[in-house]
Amino acid sequence: MTSCHLIIHGKVQGVFYRDWTIATARSLGLAGWVRNLSDGTVEAHLEGEPQAIERMIAAMHDGPPHARVDRIVSRDAESAGLTGFVRR
């Protein structure tokens, strides 16, 4: 198991990016959370198998149909022992 913290930049608020993230993360068996930040970015914490996290980050570069992801800043994070994936 591994964990990472992400900041997603681009047109990612008001385009169902959080809902899409929750559904996609759950389908990959990941735990964690996602939330909007006041600067227009989206923040996420992912926990799970390294391959599933890699697949999630790759998918997050596209996101839902109306999103435009300019870049994703990722860093390793400590596991919080989360279960499930939620919106904060």
C-alpha atoms as a PDB file:
ATOM      1  CA  MET A   1       0.000   0.000   0.000  1.00  0.00           C
ATOM      2  CA  THR A   2       1.131   3.517  -0.760  1.00  0.00           C
ATOM      3  CA  SER A   3      -0.238   7.042  -0.454  1.00  0.00           C
ATOM      4  CA  CYS A   4       0.062  10.294  -2.351  1.00  0.00           C
ATOM      5  CA  HIS A   5      -1.186  13.860  -2.165  1.00  0.00           C
ATOM      6  CA  LEU A   6      -2.244  15.648  -5.360  1.00  0.00           C
ATOM      7  CA  ILE A   7      -3.075  19.182  -6.448  1.00  0.00           C
ATOM      8  CA  ILE A   8      -4.875  19.309  -9.785  1.00  0.00           C
ATOM      9  CA  HIS A   9      -4.645  22.557 -11.783  1.00  0.00           C
ATOM     10  CA  GLY A  10      -6.831  23.666 -14.684  1.00  0.00           C
ATOM     11  CA  LYS A  11     -10.567  23.900 -15.235  1.00  0.00           C
ATOM     12  CA  VAL A  12     -11.417  21.400 -12.510  1.00  0.00           C
ATOM     13  CA  GLN A  13     -14.120  23.133 -10.483  1.00  0.00           C
ATOM     14  CA  GLY A  14     -17.726  23.294 -11.651  1.00  0.00           C
ATOM     15  CA  VAL A  15     -17.233  20.394 -14.096  1.00  0.00           C
ATOM     16  CA  PHE A  16     -18.044  17.430 -11.784  1.00  0.00           C
ATOM     17  CA  TYR A  17     -14.336  16.656 -11.310  1.00  0.00           C
ATOM     18  CA  ARG A  18     -14.816  15.657  -7.650  1.00  0.00           C
ATOM     19  CA  ASP A  19     -17.744  13.332  -8.418  1.00  0.00           C
ATOM     20  CA  TRP A  20     -15.781  11.781 -11.269  1.00  0.00           C
ATOM     21  CA  THR A  21     -12.752  11.354  -8.978  1.00  0.00           C
ATOM     22  CA  ILE A  22     -14.826   9.604  -6.316  1.00  0.00           C
ATOM     23  CA  ALA A  23     -16.391   7.171  -8.794  1.00  0.00           C
ATOM     24  CA  THR A  24     -13.086   6.429 -10.527  1.00  0.00           C
ATOM     25  CA  ALA A  25     -11.153   5.961  -7.281  1.00  0.00           C
ATOM     26  CA  ARG A  26     -13.803   3.614  -5.902  1.00  0.00           C
ATOM     27  CA  SER A  27     -13.755   1.573  -9.127  1.00  0.00           C
ATOM     28  CA  LEU A  28      -9.985   1.132  -8.703  1.00  0.00           C
ATOM     29  CA  GLY A  29     -10.325   0.119  -5.045  1.00  0.00           C
ATOM     30  CA  LEU A  30      -8.617   3.242  -3.706  1.00  0.00           C
ATOM     31  CA  ALA A  31      -9.262   4.975  -0.407  1.00  0.00           C
ATOM     32  CA  GLY A  32      -8.914   8.686   0.243  1.00  0.00           C
ATOM     33  CA  TRP A  33     -10.643  11.992  -0.298  1.00  0.00           C
ATOM     34  CA  VAL A  34     -11.028  14.900  -2.719  1.00  0.00           C
ATOM     35  CA  ARG A  35     -11.947  18.566  -2.190  1.00  0.00           C
ATOM     36  CA  ASN A  36     -12.028  21.943  -3.927  1.00  0.00           C
ATOM     37  CA  LEU A  37      -9.559  24.593  -2.800  1.00  0.00           C
ATOM     38  CA  SER A  38     -10.259  28.326  -2.762  1.00  0.00           C
ATOM     39  CA  ASP A  39      -7.645  29.000  -5.477  1.00  0.00           C
ATOM     40  CA  GLY A  40      -9.617  26.974  -8.067  1.00  0.00           C
ATOM     41  CA  THR A  41      -7.556  23.791  -7.798  1.00  0.00           C
ATOM     42  CA  VAL A  42      -8.671  20.386  -6.567  1.00  0.00           C
ATOM     43  CA  GLU A  43      -6.808  18.545  -3.807  1.00  0.00           C
ATOM     44  CA  ALA A  44      -6.844  14.780  -3.391  1.00  0.00           C
ATOM     45  CA  HIS A  45      -5.315  12.127  -1.156  1.00  0.00           C
ATOM     46  CA  LEU A  46      -5.043   8.596  -2.552  1.00  0.00           C
ATOM     47  CA  GLU A  47      -4.243   5.366  -0.690  1.00  0.00           C
ATOM     48  CA  GLY A  48      -3.953   1.914  -2.204  1.00  0.00           C
ATOM     49  CA  GLU A  49      -1.938  -0.390  -4.404  1.00  0.00           C
ATOM     50  CA  PRO A  50       0.796   1.442  -6.348  1.00  0.00           C
ATOM     51  CA  GLN A  51      -0.519   0.228  -9.720  1.00  0.00           C
ATOM     52  CA  ALA A  52      -4.037   1.467  -8.926  1.00  0.00           C
ATOM     53  CA  ILE A  53      -2.690   4.866  -7.885  1.00  0.00           C
ATOM     54  CA  GLU A  54      -0.690   5.107 -11.125  1.00  0.00           C
ATOM     55  CA  ARG A  55      -3.829   4.277 -13.134  1.00  0.00           C
ATOM     56  CA  MET A  56      -5.825   6.857 -11.182  1.00  0.00           C
ATOM     57  CA  ILE A  57      -3.295   9.631 -11.729  1.00  0.00           C
ATOM     58  CA  ALA A  58      -3.133   8.799 -15.441  1.00  0.00           C
ATOM     59  CA  ALA A  59      -6.941   9.000 -15.648  1.00  0.00           C
ATOM     60  CA  MET A  60      -6.997  12.246 -13.640  1.00  0.00           C
ATOM     61  CA  HIS A  61      -5.052  13.977 -16.416  1.00  0.00           C
ATOM     62  CA  ASP A  62      -8.206  13.632 -18.559  1.00  0.00           C
ATOM     63  CA  GLY A  63     -10.944  13.744 -15.920  1.00  0.00           C
ATOM     64  CA  PRO A  64     -14.612  14.153 -16.844  1.00  0.00           C
ATOM     65  CA  PRO A  65     -15.680  15.495 -20.276  1.00  0.00           C
ATOM     66  CA  HIS A  66     -15.831  19.227 -19.416  1.00  0.00           C
ATOM     67  CA  ALA A  67     -12.633  19.355 -17.359  1.00  0.00           C
ATOM     68  CA  ARG A  68      -9.281  20.634 -18.583  1.00  0.00           C
ATOM     69  CA  VAL A  69      -6.313  19.504 -16.526  1.00  0.00           C
ATOM     70  CA  ASP A  70      -3.215  21.643 -17.040  1.00  0.00           C
ATOM     71  CA  ARG A  71      -1.003  19.835 -14.555  1.00  0.00           C
ATOM     72  CA  ILE A  72      -1.014  17.605 -11.507  1.00  0.00           C
ATOM     73  CA  VAL A  73       1.464  18.133  -8.694  1.00  0.00           C
ATOM     74  CA  SER A  74       2.024  14.880  -6.809  1.00  0.00           C
ATOM     75  CA  ARG A  75       4.018  14.051  -3.722  1.00  0.00           C
ATOM     76  CA  ASP A  76       4.312  11.006  -1.501  1.00  0.00           C
ATOM     77  CA  ALA A  77       2.202  11.122   1.654  1.00  0.00           C
ATOM     78  CA  GLU A  78       1.831   9.162   4.844  1.00  0.00           C
ATOM     79  CA  SER A  79      -0.956   6.637   4.904  1.00  0.00           C
ATOM     80  CA  ALA A  80      -3.875   7.623   7.111  1.00  0.00           C
ATOM     81  CA  GLY A  81      -5.363   4.115   7.074  1.00  0.00           C
ATOM     82  CA  LEU A  82      -8.491   5.343   5.301  1.00  0.00           C
ATOM     83  CA  THR A  83     -11.296   3.150   4.041  1.00  0.00           C
ATOM     84  CA  GLY A  84     -13.543   4.295   1.227  1.00  0.00           C
ATOM     85  CA  PHE A  85     -13.256   7.402  -0.892  1.00  0.00           C
ATOM     86  CA  VAL A  86     -15.142  10.585   0.070  1.00  0.00           C
ATOM     87  CA  ARG A  87     -15.653  14.266  -0.737  1.00  0.00           C
ATOM     88  CA  ARG A  88     -14.416  16.736   1.847  1.00  0.00           C
END
